[in-house]
Amino acid sequence: MKYVKSILLIAAFFTTGMVSCVKKPSRNELETALMNAMSHNLNSNPNIDTSKIKFTVLSVDYFEEKTFYACEFKVRMKTPDTDTTGIMAASVNKDLEHVVRKN
């Protein structure tokens, strides 16, 4: 019984050590990752003709929630006829794979 407790205690210390060693990204790295996620979402949307419309994400302001980042992106949209800049709001999951735009 004492042997089993020792093994469990060592496993608990090992698990705690591994979890605490996970590197949290810096602010600049996170901003770049969020901008890349939004850019990929905008420029790979099948409903948009990307041969005519180009989106460039210029900056991001974000707030970290429990399971996602609440973001406001400054986006430049360029078409053959227009060139404009605006703000888009979106939620980006912590895995940076799923972007949900807000209306």
Protein backbone atom coordinates (compact mmCIF):
# COMPACT_ATOMS: atom_id res chain seq x y z
CA MET A 1 0.00 0.00 0.00
CA LYS A 2 2.85 2.34 0.84
CA TYR A 3 4.38 1.58 -2.57
CA VAL A 4 1.16 2.57 -4.39
CA LYS A 5 0.94 5.86 -2.48
CA SER A 6 4.54 6.65 -3.38
CA ILE A 7 3.86 5.99 -7.06
CA LEU A 8 0.74 8.19 -7.00
CA LEU A 9 2.61 10.99 -5.23
CA ILE A 10 5.44 10.89 -7.79
CA ALA A 11 2.91 10.87 -10.65
CA ALA A 12 1.12 13.89 -9.14
CA PHE A 13 4.38 15.84 -8.84
CA PHE A 14 5.35 14.91 -12.39
CA THR A 15 1.97 15.99 -13.79
CA THR A 16 2.04 19.27 -11.87
CA GLY A 17 5.54 19.97 -13.13
CA MET A 18 4.60 19.32 -16.74
CA VAL A 19 1.51 21.52 -16.60
CA SER A 20 3.38 24.40 -15.00
CA CYS A 21 6.08 24.29 -17.71
CA VAL A 22 3.69 25.16 -20.55
CA LYS A 23 4.93 28.42 -22.07
CA LYS A 24 2.34 31.17 -22.31
CA PRO A 25 2.77 33.20 -25.51
CA SER A 26 3.92 36.81 -25.22
CA ARG A 27 1.53 39.65 -26.04
CA ASN A 28 3.17 40.28 -29.42
CA GLU A 29 3.06 36.58 -30.35
CA LEU A 30 -0.60 36.35 -29.39
CA GLU A 31 -1.52 39.50 -31.33
CA THR A 32 0.26 38.14 -34.41
CA ALA A 33 -1.48 34.78 -34.06
CA LEU A 34 -4.90 36.44 -33.70
CA MET A 35 -4.28 38.65 -36.74
CA ASN A 36 -3.18 35.61 -38.77
CA ALA A 37 -6.28 33.66 -37.72
CA MET A 38 -8.59 36.51 -38.79
CA SER A 39 -6.69 37.07 -42.03
CA HIS A 40 -6.94 33.38 -42.89
CA ASN A 41 -10.65 33.41 -42.07
CA LEU A 42 -11.35 36.43 -44.29
CA ASN A 43 -9.18 35.47 -47.25
CA SER A 44 -10.17 31.79 -47.38
CA ASN A 45 -13.93 32.28 -47.13
CA PRO A 46 -15.58 30.39 -50.03
CA ASN A 47 -18.32 33.06 -50.32
CA ILE A 48 -15.81 35.80 -51.21
CA ASP A 49 -14.09 36.17 -54.60
CA THR A 50 -10.51 36.59 -53.39
CA SER A 51 -9.29 37.37 -56.89
CA LYS A 52 -11.12 40.72 -56.58
CA ILE A 53 -11.29 41.42 -52.85
CA LYS A 54 -8.22 41.42 -50.61
CA PHE A 55 -8.33 41.79 -46.82
CA THR A 56 -5.35 42.90 -44.76
CA VAL A 57 -5.57 42.82 -40.96
CA LEU A 58 -3.74 45.88 -39.64
CA SER A 59 -4.13 45.58 -35.85
CA VAL A 60 -6.07 43.86 -33.10
CA ASP A 61 -7.41 44.79 -29.67
CA TYR A 62 -8.45 41.81 -27.60
CA PHE A 63 -9.74 40.70 -24.23
CA GLU A 64 -9.11 37.19 -22.95
CA GLU A 65 -12.21 35.30 -21.85
CA LYS A 66 -12.31 31.81 -20.37
CA THR A 67 -12.60 29.88 -23.67
CA PHE A 68 -12.02 32.53 -26.35
CA TYR A 69 -10.58 35.96 -27.16
CA ALA A 70 -13.02 38.82 -27.75
CA CYS A 71 -11.37 40.84 -30.51
CA GLU A 72 -11.73 44.01 -32.54
CA PHE A 73 -9.69 43.98 -35.73
CA LYS A 74 -8.75 46.96 -37.86
CA VAL A 75 -9.05 45.60 -41.41
CA ARG A 76 -8.21 47.08 -44.81
CA MET A 77 -10.38 45.91 -47.71
CA LYS A 78 -9.16 46.52 -51.21
CA THR A 79 -11.16 45.90 -54.39
CA PRO A 80 -10.44 47.07 -57.94
CA ASP A 81 -12.73 50.07 -57.32
CA THR A 82 -12.36 50.86 -53.59
CA ASP A 83 -9.85 50.91 -50.80
CA THR A 84 -11.30 51.25 -47.30
CA THR A 85 -10.43 50.54 -43.70
CA GLY A 86 -12.87 49.49 -40.99
CA ILE A 87 -13.37 47.65 -37.71
CA MET A 88 -14.55 44.03 -37.48
CA ALA A 89 -15.46 42.33 -34.21
CA ALA A 90 -14.96 38.60 -33.76
CA SER A 91 -14.52 35.87 -31.19
CA VAL A 92 -11.47 33.64 -31.65
CA ASN A 93 -11.26 30.33 -29.78
CA LYS A 94 -8.19 29.69 -27.64
CA ASP A 95 -6.95 27.15 -30.20
CA LEU A 96 -6.90 30.01 -32.79
CA GLU A 97 -8.67 27.77 -35.31
CA HIS A 98 -12.27 29.00 -35.10
CA VAL A 99 -13.20 32.62 -35.79
CA VAL A 100 -16.81 33.77 -35.32
CA ARG A 101 -17.54 37.25 -36.65
CA LYS A 102 -20.04 39.44 -34.86
CA ASN A 103 -22.55 41.53 -36.77
